């Protein structure tokens, strides 16, 4: 549990994350009320569409939560390594887990050129911490910088972020499935074949309501994801008491993305929610992309870490190559 670790909480971010979850809850309640209203006037096929979407959505969330570690490792092509195979990496993880007073997760390495890392798992007992070969061998990180990245990732495990994001995503999953099921039902004329005069409006109504709910919940989930990343940055920096190392690591990893072929970055995009830094070019568009991003901007993350550095009474410096 997060409360049993030494990762420091952030009340400001916690309030904002709670408010975001509350808004998602309101959307969920409104959506359920609307669905109940639709079902009251719906024929059997309309109710079946809703029921199937809920079953598939719940099943998808269940699989995502309980098998997130296996799914992520398979997607990254990663393998779990022993302390004998990666002694330095295991040594850092051992020290951080002892410092945080948390169980040690499995440690894995992915054969990707992209410098990155992620941690996933429904709880500490089923967690895995994965780093890419690009991060370990080709990013020129110091031990302190690598430690900062791993402290960030272990914070996600300590605070059960996979559970939080899975619960938050459930509404979007169900709404998205309803959009698809309603579209195919209308495409094949399911509503028009019914004798119920109101049935012809049922599918378009579900389609519209679900699309709106999906859009709203998608944006709120992205906001929540960015808050979780800021919280992990803060927790990791305070645990190691070295925010400058995390600033430097963020800069190196983000700039390292610019040297990775665009095709490789696109292949890595499905894991963006998990990654320490998103698989994208540093000089990409910053207008609407910030609204849909799973991570805060590099500038915002460095700004927060610089503030923590000042609070700790440590001298700050502009990271080289940022400007």
C-alpha atoms as a PDB file:
ATOM      1  CA  UNK A   1       0.000   0.000   0.000  1.00  0.00           C
ATOM      2  CA  UNK A   2       1.168   3.527  -0.705  1.00  0.00           C
ATOM      3  CA  UNK A   3       0.600   4.576   2.911  1.00  0.00           C
ATOM      4  CA  UNK A   4       3.138   1.975   4.076  1.00  0.00           C
ATOM      5  CA  UNK A   5       5.938   3.257   1.887  1.00  0.00           C
ATOM      6  CA  UNK A   6       8.151   6.277   2.420  1.00  0.00           C
ATOM      7  CA  UNK A   7       7.105   7.920  -0.829  1.00  0.00           C
ATOM      8  CA  UNK A   8       6.009  11.426   0.053  1.00  0.00           C
ATOM      9  CA  UNK A   9       2.413  12.398  -0.808  1.00  0.00           C
ATOM     10  CA  UNK A  10       1.577  15.647  -2.592  1.00  0.00           C
ATOM     11  CA  UNK A  11      -1.583  17.196  -1.176  1.00  0.00           C
ATOM     12  CA  UNK A  12      -2.022  19.643  -4.033  1.00  0.00           C
ATOM     13  CA  UNK A  13      -1.765  16.985  -6.707  1.00  0.00           C
ATOM     14  CA  UNK A  14      -3.890  14.618  -4.621  1.00  0.00           C
ATOM     15  CA  UNK A  15      -6.673  17.212  -4.462  1.00  0.00           C
ATOM     16  CA  UNK A  16      -6.538  17.769  -8.211  1.00  0.00           C
ATOM     17  CA  UNK A  17      -6.516  14.041  -8.922  1.00  0.00           C
ATOM     18  CA  UNK A  18      -9.439  13.533  -6.534  1.00  0.00           C
ATOM     19  CA  UNK A  19     -11.370  16.307  -8.276  1.00  0.00           C
ATOM     20  CA  UNK A  20     -10.697  14.674 -11.652  1.00  0.00           C
ATOM     21  CA  UNK A  21     -11.905  11.302 -10.361  1.00  0.00           C
ATOM     22  CA  UNK A  22     -14.988  13.030  -8.933  1.00  0.00           C
ATOM     23  CA  UNK A  23     -15.775  14.542 -12.339  1.00  0.00           C
ATOM     24  CA  UNK A  24     -15.359  11.123 -13.927  1.00  0.00           C
ATOM     25  CA  UNK A  25     -17.770   9.773 -11.317  1.00  0.00           C
ATOM     26  CA  UNK A  26     -20.328  12.443 -12.186  1.00  0.00           C
ATOM     27  CA  UNK A  27     -20.037  11.588 -15.866  1.00  0.00           C
ATOM     28  CA  UNK A  28     -20.460   7.913 -14.989  1.00  0.00           C
ATOM     29  CA  UNK A  29     -23.597   8.564 -12.900  1.00  0.00           C
ATOM     30  CA  UNK A  30     -25.102  10.713 -15.652  1.00  0.00           C
ATOM     31  CA  UNK A  31     -24.263   8.064 -18.217  1.00  0.00           C
ATOM     32  CA  UNK A  32     -25.845   5.271 -16.151  1.00  0.00           C
ATOM     33  CA  UNK A  33     -28.974   7.391 -15.599  1.00  0.00           C
ATOM     34  CA  UNK A  34     -29.212   8.010 -19.332  1.00  0.00           C
ATOM     35  CA  UNK A  35     -28.729   4.326 -20.126  1.00  0.00           C
ATOM     36  CA  UNK A  36     -31.443   3.362 -17.623  1.00  0.00           C
ATOM     37  CA  UNK A  37     -33.764   5.850 -19.287  1.00  0.00           C
ATOM     38  CA  UNK A  38     -32.977   4.448 -22.708  1.00  0.00           C
ATOM     39  CA  UNK A  39     -33.415   0.869 -21.543  1.00  0.00           C
ATOM     40  CA  UNK A  40     -36.838   1.674 -20.100  1.00  0.00           C
ATOM     41  CA  UNK A  41     -38.101   2.549 -23.557  1.00  0.00           C
ATOM     42  CA  UNK A  42     -35.816   0.177 -25.424  1.00  0.00           C
ATOM     43  CA  UNK A  43     -36.654  -3.052 -27.180  1.00  0.00           C
ATOM     44  CA  UNK A  44     -34.702  -6.257 -26.434  1.00  0.00           C
ATOM     45  CA  UNK A  45     -31.893  -5.674 -28.938  1.00  0.00           C
ATOM     46  CA  UNK A  46     -31.142  -2.231 -27.483  1.00  0.00           C
ATOM     47  CA  UNK A  47     -30.872  -3.652 -23.976  1.00  0.00           C
ATOM     48  CA  UNK A  48     -28.691  -6.441 -25.337  1.00  0.00           C
ATOM     49  CA  UNK A  49     -26.290  -3.923 -26.889  1.00  0.00           C
ATOM     50  CA  UNK A  50     -25.883  -2.137 -23.558  1.00  0.00           C
ATOM     51  CA  UNK A  51     -25.477  -5.370 -21.601  1.00  0.00           C
ATOM     52  CA  UNK A  52     -22.867  -6.760 -23.997  1.00  0.00           C
ATOM     53  CA  UNK A  53     -20.895  -3.485 -23.884  1.00  0.00           C
ATOM     54  CA  UNK A  54     -20.860  -3.525 -20.066  1.00  0.00           C
ATOM     55  CA  UNK A  55     -19.782  -7.186 -19.982  1.00  0.00           C
ATOM     56  CA  UNK A  56     -17.056  -6.686 -22.581  1.00  0.00           C
ATOM     57  CA  UNK A  57     -15.915  -3.422 -20.963  1.00  0.00           C
ATOM     58  CA  UNK A  58     -15.737  -4.971 -17.494  1.00  0.00           C
ATOM     59  CA  UNK A  59     -13.948  -8.021 -18.861  1.00  0.00           C
ATOM     60  CA  UNK A  60     -11.453  -5.842 -20.719  1.00  0.00           C
ATOM     61  CA  UNK A  61     -10.748  -3.804 -17.580  1.00  0.00           C
ATOM     62  CA  UNK A  62     -10.342  -6.982 -15.535  1.00  0.00           C
ATOM     63  CA  UNK A  63      -7.841  -8.438 -18.001  1.00  0.00           C
ATOM     64  CA  UNK A  64      -6.001  -5.128 -18.251  1.00  0.00           C
ATOM     65  CA  UNK A  65      -5.684  -4.895 -14.459  1.00  0.00           C
ATOM     66  CA  UNK A  66      -4.781  -8.470 -13.586  1.00  0.00           C
ATOM     67  CA  UNK A  67      -2.508  -9.136 -16.550  1.00  0.00           C
ATOM     68  CA  UNK A  68      -1.040  -5.671 -17.112  1.00  0.00           C
ATOM     69  CA  UNK A  69       2.475  -6.850 -16.273  1.00  0.00           C
ATOM     70  CA  UNK A  70       2.381  -9.756 -18.730  1.00  0.00           C
ATOM     71  CA  UNK A  71       0.725  -7.661 -21.447  1.00  0.00           C
ATOM     72  CA  UNK A  72       3.244  -4.832 -21.117  1.00  0.00           C
ATOM     73  CA  UNK A  73       6.250  -7.167 -21.071  1.00  0.00           C
ATOM     74  CA  UNK A  74       4.975  -8.990 -24.158  1.00  0.00           C
ATOM     75  CA  UNK A  75       4.284  -5.724 -25.990  1.00  0.00           C
ATOM     76  CA  UNK A  76       7.789  -4.468 -25.195  1.00  0.00           C
ATOM     77  CA  UNK A  77       9.412  -7.806 -26.002  1.00  0.00           C
ATOM     78  CA  UNK A  78      11.038  -7.662 -22.571  1.00  0.00           C
ATOM     79  CA  UNK A  79      12.388 -10.476 -20.429  1.00  0.00           C
ATOM     80  CA  UNK A  80      12.788 -10.696 -16.665  1.00  0.00           C
ATOM     81  CA  UNK A  81      16.446 -10.688 -15.586  1.00  0.00           C
ATOM     82  CA  UNK A  82      18.084 -12.052 -12.443  1.00  0.00           C
ATOM     83  CA  UNK A  83      20.556 -10.203 -10.168  1.00  0.00           C
ATOM     84  CA  UNK A  84      23.328 -12.276 -11.737  1.00  0.00           C
ATOM     85  CA  UNK A  85      22.365 -11.104 -15.240  1.00  0.00           C
ATOM     86  CA  UNK A  86      22.004  -7.411 -14.324  1.00  0.00           C
ATOM     87  CA  UNK A  87      23.764  -6.821 -10.979  1.00  0.00           C
ATOM     88  CA  UNK A  88      24.041  -3.018 -11.195  1.00  0.00           C
ATOM     89  CA  UNK A  89      20.390  -2.575 -12.168  1.00  0.00           C
ATOM     90  CA  UNK A  90      19.225  -4.901  -9.406  1.00  0.00           C
ATOM     91  CA  UNK A  91      21.505  -3.117  -6.956  1.00  0.00           C
ATOM     92  CA  UNK A  92      19.825   0.239  -7.635  1.00  0.00           C
ATOM     93  CA  UNK A  93      16.348  -1.305  -7.369  1.00  0.00           C
ATOM     94  CA  UNK A  94      17.316  -2.994  -4.077  1.00  0.00           C
ATOM     95  CA  UNK A  95      18.498   0.309  -2.586  1.00  0.00           C
ATOM     96  CA  UNK A  96      15.420   2.217  -3.708  1.00  0.00           C
ATOM     97  CA  UNK A  97      13.014  -0.434  -2.407  1.00  0.00           C
ATOM     98  CA  UNK A  98      14.806  -0.454   0.940  1.00  0.00           C
ATOM     99  CA  UNK A  99      14.698   3.347   1.022  1.00  0.00           C
ATOM    100  CA  UNK A 100      10.985   3.373   0.151  1.00  0.00           C
ATOM    101  CA  UNK A 101      10.183   0.413   2.437  1.00  0.00           C
ATOM    102  CA  UNK A 102       8.336  -1.445  -0.306  1.00  0.00           C
ATOM    103  CA  UNK A 103       8.517  -4.956  -1.806  1.00  0.00           C
ATOM    104  CA  UNK A 104      10.918  -5.390  -4.688  1.00  0.00           C
ATOM    105  CA  UNK A 105       9.250  -5.896  -8.088  1.00  0.00           C
ATOM    106  CA  UNK A 106      10.550  -8.163 -10.811  1.00  0.00           C
ATOM    107  CA  UNK A 107      13.157  -6.484 -13.010  1.00  0.00           C
ATOM    108  CA  UNK A 108      13.092  -6.764 -16.809  1.00  0.00           C
ATOM    109  CA  UNK A 109      15.007  -5.435 -19.798  1.00  0.00           C
ATOM    110  CA  UNK A 110      13.449  -4.645 -23.192  1.00  0.00           C
ATOM    111  CA  UNK A 111      15.553  -4.838 -26.382  1.00  0.00           C
ATOM    112  CA  UNK A 112      14.557  -1.376 -27.603  1.00  0.00           C
ATOM    113  CA  UNK A 113      16.905   1.342 -28.822  1.00  0.00           C
ATOM    114  CA  UNK A 114      14.641   3.984 -27.356  1.00  0.00           C
ATOM    115  CA  UNK A 115      15.819   5.205 -23.913  1.00  0.00           C
ATOM    116  CA  UNK A 116      12.891   4.595 -21.574  1.00  0.00           C
ATOM    117  CA  UNK A 117      11.484   2.679 -18.621  1.00  0.00           C
ATOM    118  CA  UNK A 118       8.110   1.662 -17.217  1.00  0.00           C
ATOM    119  CA  UNK A 119       6.588  -0.082 -14.223  1.00  0.00           C
ATOM    120  CA  UNK A 120       3.257  -1.852 -14.123  1.00  0.00           C
ATOM    121  CA  UNK A 121       1.295  -4.411 -12.129  1.00  0.00           C
ATOM    122  CA  UNK A 122      -1.900  -4.365 -10.090  1.00  0.00           C
ATOM    123  CA  UNK A 123       0.030  -4.251  -6.781  1.00  0.00           C
ATOM    124  CA  UNK A 124       3.531  -4.495  -5.340  1.00  0.00           C
ATOM    125  CA  UNK A 125       3.419  -8.295  -5.257  1.00  0.00           C
ATOM    126  CA  UNK A 126       2.647  -8.521  -8.988  1.00  0.00           C
ATOM    127  CA  UNK A 127       4.682  -5.561 -10.243  1.00  0.00           C
ATOM    128  CA  UNK A 128       7.465  -5.463 -12.796  1.00  0.00           C
ATOM    129  CA  UNK A 129       9.988  -2.706 -13.465  1.00  0.00           C
ATOM    130  CA  UNK A 130      11.303  -2.651 -17.016  1.00  0.00           C
ATOM    131  CA  UNK A 131      14.115  -0.607 -18.603  1.00  0.00           C
ATOM    132  CA  UNK A 132      15.138  -0.572 -22.245  1.00  0.00           C
ATOM    133  CA  UNK A 133      18.594  -1.437 -23.509  1.00  0.00           C
ATOM    134  CA  UNK A 134      18.695   2.072 -24.951  1.00  0.00           C
ATOM    135  CA  UNK A 135      18.339   3.532 -21.460  1.00  0.00           C
ATOM    136  CA  UNK A 136      20.872   1.193 -19.850  1.00  0.00           C
ATOM    137  CA  UNK A 137      23.588   1.117 -22.459  1.00  0.00           C
ATOM    138  CA  UNK A 138      23.200   3.991 -24.924  1.00  0.00           C
ATOM    139  CA  UNK A 139      21.786   7.002 -23.033  1.00  0.00           C
ATOM    140  CA  UNK A 140      24.961   7.936 -21.131  1.00  0.00           C
ATOM    141  CA  UNK A 141      23.036   8.292 -17.888  1.00  0.00           C
ATOM    142  CA  UNK A 142      24.912   8.582 -14.619  1.00  0.00           C
ATOM    143  CA  UNK A 143      23.987   6.215 -11.801  1.00  0.00           C
ATOM    144  CA  UNK A 144      22.181   9.071 -10.008  1.00  0.00           C
ATOM    145  CA  UNK A 145      20.128   9.839 -13.121  1.00  0.00           C
ATOM    146  CA  UNK A 146      19.162   6.200 -13.604  1.00  0.00           C
ATOM    147  CA  UNK A 147      18.274   6.041  -9.921  1.00  0.00           C
ATOM    148  CA  UNK A 148      15.958   9.039 -10.360  1.00  0.00           C
ATOM    149  CA  UNK A 149      14.141   7.383 -13.250  1.00  0.00           C
ATOM    150  CA  UNK A 150      13.700   4.121 -11.359  1.00  0.00           C
ATOM    151  CA  UNK A 151      12.495   5.992  -8.260  1.00  0.00           C
ATOM    152  CA  UNK A 152       9.864   7.677 -10.461  1.00  0.00           C
ATOM    153  CA  UNK A 153       8.713   4.325 -11.822  1.00  0.00           C
ATOM    154  CA  UNK A 154       8.617   2.624  -8.421  1.00  0.00           C
ATOM    155  CA  UNK A 155       6.403   5.477  -7.222  1.00  0.00           C
ATOM    156  CA  UNK A 156       3.769   4.339  -9.731  1.00  0.00           C
ATOM    157  CA  UNK A 157       3.855   0.889  -8.127  1.00  0.00           C
ATOM    158  CA  UNK A 158       3.753   2.239  -4.567  1.00  0.00           C
ATOM    159  CA  UNK A 159       0.741   4.431  -5.329  1.00  0.00           C
ATOM    160  CA  UNK A 160      -1.087   1.704  -7.327  1.00  0.00           C
ATOM    161  CA  UNK A 161      -1.396   3.893 -10.389  1.00  0.00           C
ATOM    162  CA  UNK A 162      -2.315   0.944 -12.616  1.00  0.00           C
ATOM    163  CA  UNK A 163      -5.401   0.331 -10.477  1.00  0.00           C
ATOM    164  CA  UNK A 164      -6.315   4.017 -10.473  1.00  0.00           C
ATOM    165  CA  UNK A 165      -6.016   4.383 -14.247  1.00  0.00           C
ATOM    166  CA  UNK A 166      -7.861   1.105 -14.905  1.00  0.00           C
ATOM    167  CA  UNK A 167     -10.838   2.164 -12.789  1.00  0.00           C
ATOM    168  CA  UNK A 168     -10.827   5.591 -14.414  1.00  0.00           C
ATOM    169  CA  UNK A 169     -10.732   4.064 -17.899  1.00  0.00           C
ATOM    170  CA  UNK A 170     -13.677   1.719 -17.384  1.00  0.00           C
ATOM    171  CA  UNK A 171     -16.284   4.316 -18.373  1.00  0.00           C
ATOM    172  CA  UNK A 172     -14.405   5.238 -21.541  1.00  0.00           C
ATOM    173  CA  UNK A 173     -14.088   1.557 -22.470  1.00  0.00           C
ATOM    174  CA  UNK A 174     -17.819   0.918 -22.047  1.00  0.00           C
ATOM    175  CA  UNK A 175     -18.758   4.112 -23.894  1.00  0.00           C
ATOM    176  CA  UNK A 176     -16.382   3.298 -26.740  1.00  0.00           C
ATOM    177  CA  UNK A 177     -17.810  -0.214 -27.068  1.00  0.00           C
ATOM    178  CA  UNK A 178     -21.350   1.159 -27.129  1.00  0.00           C
ATOM    179  CA  UNK A 179     -20.381   3.448 -30.003  1.00  0.00           C
ATOM    180  CA  UNK A 180     -19.050   0.497 -31.986  1.00  0.00           C
ATOM    181  CA  UNK A 181     -21.907  -1.883 -31.171  1.00  0.00           C
ATOM    182  CA  UNK A 182     -24.529   0.770 -31.899  1.00  0.00           C
ATOM    183  CA  UNK A 183     -22.876   1.643 -35.201  1.00  0.00           C
ATOM    184  CA  UNK A 184     -22.794  -1.967 -36.389  1.00  0.00           C
ATOM    185  CA  UNK A 185     -26.339  -2.572 -35.157  1.00  0.00           C
ATOM    186  CA  UNK A 186     -27.612   0.376 -37.194  1.00  0.00           C
ATOM    187  CA  UNK A 187     -25.419  -0.619 -40.130  1.00  0.00           C
ATOM    188  CA  UNK A 188     -27.104  -4.007 -40.340  1.00  0.00           C
ATOM    189  CA  UNK A 189     -30.568  -2.558 -39.768  1.00  0.00           C
ATOM    190  CA  UNK A 190     -31.207  -4.037 -36.335  1.00  0.00           C
ATOM    191  CA  UNK A 191     -33.311  -1.136 -35.112  1.00  0.00           C
ATOM    192  CA  UNK A 192     -35.361  -0.802 -38.298  1.00  0.00           C
ATOM    193  CA  UNK A 193     -36.393  -4.463 -38.159  1.00  0.00           C
ATOM    194  CA  UNK A 194     -38.120  -3.958 -34.827  1.00  0.00           C
ATOM    195  CA  UNK A 195     -41.855  -3.425 -34.501  1.00  0.00           C
ATOM    196  CA  UNK A 196     -41.278  -0.834 -31.785  1.00  0.00           C
ATOM    197  CA  UNK A 197     -41.833   2.639 -33.240  1.00  0.00           C
ATOM    198  CA  UNK A 198     -39.273   4.179 -30.855  1.00  0.00           C
ATOM    199  CA  UNK A 199     -36.603   1.664 -31.765  1.00  0.00           C
ATOM    200  CA  UNK A 200     -35.502   3.597 -34.847  1.00  0.00           C
ATOM    201  CA  UNK A 201     -34.222   6.368 -32.543  1.00  0.00           C
ATOM    202  CA  UNK A 202     -32.608   4.042 -30.017  1.00  0.00           C
ATOM    203  CA  UNK A 203     -29.350   3.274 -31.798  1.00  0.00           C
ATOM    204  CA  UNK A 204     -28.567   6.872 -32.874  1.00  0.00           C
ATOM    205  CA  UNK A 205     -29.315   8.035 -29.311  1.00  0.00           C
ATOM    206  CA  UNK A 206     -26.945   5.488 -27.802  1.00  0.00           C
ATOM    207  CA  UNK A 207     -24.386   6.376 -30.462  1.00  0.00           C
ATOM    208  CA  UNK A 208     -24.523  10.100 -29.683  1.00  0.00           C
ATOM    209  CA  UNK A 209     -24.568   9.742 -25.885  1.00  0.00           C
ATOM    210  CA  UNK A 210     -21.721   7.246 -25.876  1.00  0.00           C
ATOM    211  CA  UNK A 211     -19.600   9.362 -28.197  1.00  0.00           C
ATOM    212  CA  UNK A 212     -19.998  12.417 -25.957  1.00  0.00           C
ATOM    213  CA  UNK A 213     -19.274  10.415 -22.799  1.00  0.00           C
ATOM    214  CA  UNK A 214     -16.240   8.801 -24.412  1.00  0.00           C
ATOM    215  CA  UNK A 215     -14.818  12.175 -25.459  1.00  0.00           C
ATOM    216  CA  UNK A 216     -15.303  13.724 -22.009  1.00  0.00           C
ATOM    217  CA  UNK A 217     -13.935  10.734 -20.107  1.00  0.00           C
ATOM    218  CA  UNK A 218     -10.979  10.428 -22.517  1.00  0.00           C
ATOM    219  CA  UNK A 219      -9.919  14.024 -21.840  1.00  0.00           C
ATOM    220  CA  UNK A 220     -10.379  13.633 -18.061  1.00  0.00           C
ATOM    221  CA  UNK A 221      -8.308  10.439 -18.087  1.00  0.00           C
ATOM    222  CA  UNK A 222      -5.529  12.258 -19.925  1.00  0.00           C
ATOM    223  CA  UNK A 223      -5.619  15.006 -17.267  1.00  0.00           C
ATOM    224  CA  UNK A 224      -5.451  12.360 -14.530  1.00  0.00           C
ATOM    225  CA  UNK A 225      -2.541  10.629 -16.269  1.00  0.00           C
ATOM    226  CA  UNK A 226      -0.565  13.870 -16.399  1.00  0.00           C
ATOM    227  CA  UNK A 227      -1.204  14.461 -12.696  1.00  0.00           C
ATOM    228  CA  UNK A 228       0.034  10.930 -11.918  1.00  0.00           C
ATOM    229  CA  UNK A 229       3.268  11.621 -13.793  1.00  0.00           C
ATOM    230  CA  UNK A 230       3.852  14.860 -11.916  1.00  0.00           C
ATOM    231  CA  UNK A 231       3.177  13.062  -8.635  1.00  0.00           C
ATOM    232  CA  UNK A 232       5.668  10.325  -9.557  1.00  0.00           C
ATOM    233  CA  UNK A 233       8.297  12.940 -10.465  1.00  0.00           C
ATOM    234  CA  UNK A 234       7.831  14.634  -7.121  1.00  0.00           C
ATOM    235  CA  UNK A 235       7.812  11.402  -5.102  1.00  0.00           C
ATOM    236  CA  UNK A 236      10.903  10.102  -6.859  1.00  0.00           C
ATOM    237  CA  UNK A 237      12.807  13.355  -6.387  1.00  0.00           C
ATOM    238  CA  UNK A 238      11.967  13.534  -2.678  1.00  0.00           C
ATOM    239  CA  UNK A 239      12.800   9.873  -2.096  1.00  0.00           C
ATOM    240  CA  UNK A 240      16.285  10.237  -3.593  1.00  0.00           C
ATOM    241  CA  UNK A 241      16.660  13.845  -2.391  1.00  0.00           C
ATOM    242  CA  UNK A 242      18.204  14.535  -5.798  1.00  0.00           C
ATOM    243  CA  UNK A 243      15.769  16.407  -8.086  1.00  0.00           C
ATOM    244  CA  UNK A 244      18.644  17.737 -10.208  1.00  0.00           C
ATOM    245  CA  UNK A 245      19.513  14.188 -11.274  1.00  0.00           C
ATOM    246  CA  UNK A 246      15.913  13.602 -12.368  1.00  0.00           C
ATOM    247  CA  UNK A 247      15.921  16.907 -14.276  1.00  0.00           C
ATOM    248  CA  UNK A 248      19.061  15.846 -16.099  1.00  0.00           C
ATOM    249  CA  UNK A 249      17.643  12.374 -16.775  1.00  0.00           C
ATOM    250  CA  UNK A 250      14.406  13.834 -18.170  1.00  0.00           C
ATOM    251  CA  UNK A 251      16.359  16.087 -20.497  1.00  0.00           C
ATOM    252  CA  UNK A 252      18.636  13.319 -21.751  1.00  0.00           C
ATOM    253  CA  UNK A 253      15.794  10.843 -22.296  1.00  0.00           C
ATOM    254  CA  UNK A 254      13.576  13.397 -24.042  1.00  0.00           C
ATOM    255  CA  UNK A 255      16.389  14.538 -26.308  1.00  0.00           C
ATOM    256  CA  UNK A 256      17.299  10.905 -26.937  1.00  0.00           C
ATOM    257  CA  UNK A 257      13.879  10.441 -28.528  1.00  0.00           C
ATOM    258  CA  UNK A 258      14.909  12.803 -31.315  1.00  0.00           C
ATOM    259  CA  UNK A 259      17.567  10.318 -32.398  1.00  0.00           C
ATOM    260  CA  UNK A 260      15.122   7.396 -32.617  1.00  0.00           C
ATOM    261  CA  UNK A 261      13.498   6.697 -36.023  1.00  0.00           C
ATOM    262  CA  UNK A 262       9.892   7.839 -36.210  1.00  0.00           C
ATOM    263  CA  UNK A 263       8.783   4.328 -37.187  1.00  0.00           C
ATOM    264  CA  UNK A 264      10.246   2.904 -33.971  1.00  0.00           C
ATOM    265  CA  UNK A 265       8.537   5.595 -31.895  1.00  0.00           C
ATOM    266  CA  UNK A 266       5.178   4.799 -33.486  1.00  0.00           C
ATOM    267  CA  UNK A 267       5.601   1.133 -32.627  1.00  0.00           C
ATOM    268  CA  UNK A 268       6.237   2.126 -29.001  1.00  0.00           C
ATOM    269  CA  UNK A 269       3.221   4.459 -28.729  1.00  0.00           C
ATOM    270  CA  UNK A 270       0.836   1.798 -27.273  1.00  0.00           C
ATOM    271  CA  UNK A 271       2.993   1.793 -24.120  1.00  0.00           C
ATOM    272  CA  UNK A 272       3.114   5.586 -23.781  1.00  0.00           C
ATOM    273  CA  UNK A 273       0.847   5.525 -20.739  1.00  0.00           C
ATOM    274  CA  UNK A 274       3.432   3.421 -18.904  1.00  0.00           C
ATOM    275  CA  UNK A 275       6.653   5.039 -20.116  1.00  0.00           C
ATOM    276  CA  UNK A 276       8.817   7.431 -18.109  1.00  0.00           C
ATOM    277  CA  UNK A 277       8.772   9.792 -21.105  1.00  0.00           C
ATOM    278  CA  UNK A 278       6.363   9.583 -24.066  1.00  0.00           C
ATOM    279  CA  UNK A 279       7.642   8.061 -27.295  1.00  0.00           C
ATOM    280  CA  UNK A 280       7.649  11.246 -29.332  1.00  0.00           C
ATOM    281  CA  UNK A 281      10.023  13.814 -30.751  1.00  0.00           C
ATOM    282  CA  UNK A 282      11.026  16.658 -28.430  1.00  0.00           C
ATOM    283  CA  UNK A 283      10.327  19.253 -31.145  1.00  0.00           C
ATOM    284  CA  UNK A 284       6.840  17.962 -31.980  1.00  0.00           C
ATOM    285  CA  UNK A 285       3.701  20.148 -32.099  1.00  0.00           C
ATOM    286  CA  UNK A 286       2.746  21.584 -28.719  1.00  0.00           C
ATOM    287  CA  UNK A 287      -0.753  22.978 -29.290  1.00  0.00           C
ATOM    288  CA  UNK A 288      -3.501  20.361 -29.207  1.00  0.00           C
ATOM    289  CA  UNK A 289      -1.018  17.547 -28.532  1.00  0.00           C
ATOM    290  CA  UNK A 290      -0.627  18.776 -24.938  1.00  0.00           C
ATOM    291  CA  UNK A 291      -4.379  18.280 -24.413  1.00  0.00           C
ATOM    292  CA  UNK A 292      -4.248  14.651 -25.525  1.00  0.00           C
ATOM    293  CA  UNK A 293      -0.844  13.755 -24.082  1.00  0.00           C
ATOM    294  CA  UNK A 294      -0.451  11.158 -21.325  1.00  0.00           C
ATOM    295  CA  UNK A 295       2.485  13.146 -19.887  1.00  0.00           C
ATOM    296  CA  UNK A 296       3.032  16.781 -18.916  1.00  0.00           C
ATOM    297  CA  UNK A 297       5.384  18.784 -21.091  1.00  0.00           C
ATOM    298  CA  UNK A 298       9.109  18.522 -20.412  1.00  0.00           C
ATOM    299  CA  UNK A 299       9.119  22.183 -19.388  1.00  0.00           C
ATOM    300  CA  UNK A 300       6.360  21.666 -16.820  1.00  0.00           C
ATOM    301  CA  UNK A 301       8.058  18.618 -15.315  1.00  0.00           C
ATOM    302  CA  UNK A 302      11.382  20.436 -15.031  1.00  0.00           C
ATOM    303  CA  UNK A 303       9.656  23.489 -13.548  1.00  0.00           C
ATOM    304  CA  UNK A 304       8.162  21.357 -10.774  1.00  0.00           C
ATOM    305  CA  UNK A 305      11.449  19.578 -10.071  1.00  0.00           C
ATOM    306  CA  UNK A 306      13.323  22.893  -9.982  1.00  0.00           C
ATOM    307  CA  UNK A 307      10.845  24.144  -7.393  1.00  0.00           C
ATOM    308  CA  UNK A 308      11.470  21.027  -5.278  1.00  0.00           C
ATOM    309  CA  UNK A 309      15.192  21.619  -5.641  1.00  0.00           C
ATOM    310  CA  UNK A 310      14.807  25.134  -4.245  1.00  0.00           C
ATOM    311  CA  UNK A 311      12.620  23.865  -1.404  1.00  0.00           C
ATOM    312  CA  UNK A 312      15.367  21.422  -0.466  1.00  0.00           C
ATOM    313  CA  UNK A 313      17.839  24.291  -0.396  1.00  0.00           C
ATOM    314  CA  UNK A 314      19.890  22.901  -3.265  1.00  0.00           C
ATOM    315  CA  UNK A 315      21.476  25.138  -5.918  1.00  0.00           C
ATOM    316  CA  UNK A 316      19.733  24.915  -9.260  1.00  0.00           C
ATOM    317  CA  UNK A 317      21.060  25.056 -12.775  1.00  0.00           C
ATOM    318  CA  UNK A 318      19.499  25.207 -16.223  1.00  0.00           C
ATOM    319  CA  UNK A 319      19.784  21.781 -17.845  1.00  0.00           C
ATOM    320  CA  UNK A 320      22.201  21.951 -20.766  1.00  0.00           C
ATOM    321  CA  UNK A 321      20.651  21.613 -24.193  1.00  0.00           C
ATOM    322  CA  UNK A 322      17.081  22.370 -23.064  1.00  0.00           C
ATOM    323  CA  UNK A 323      16.967  25.789 -24.673  1.00  0.00           C
END
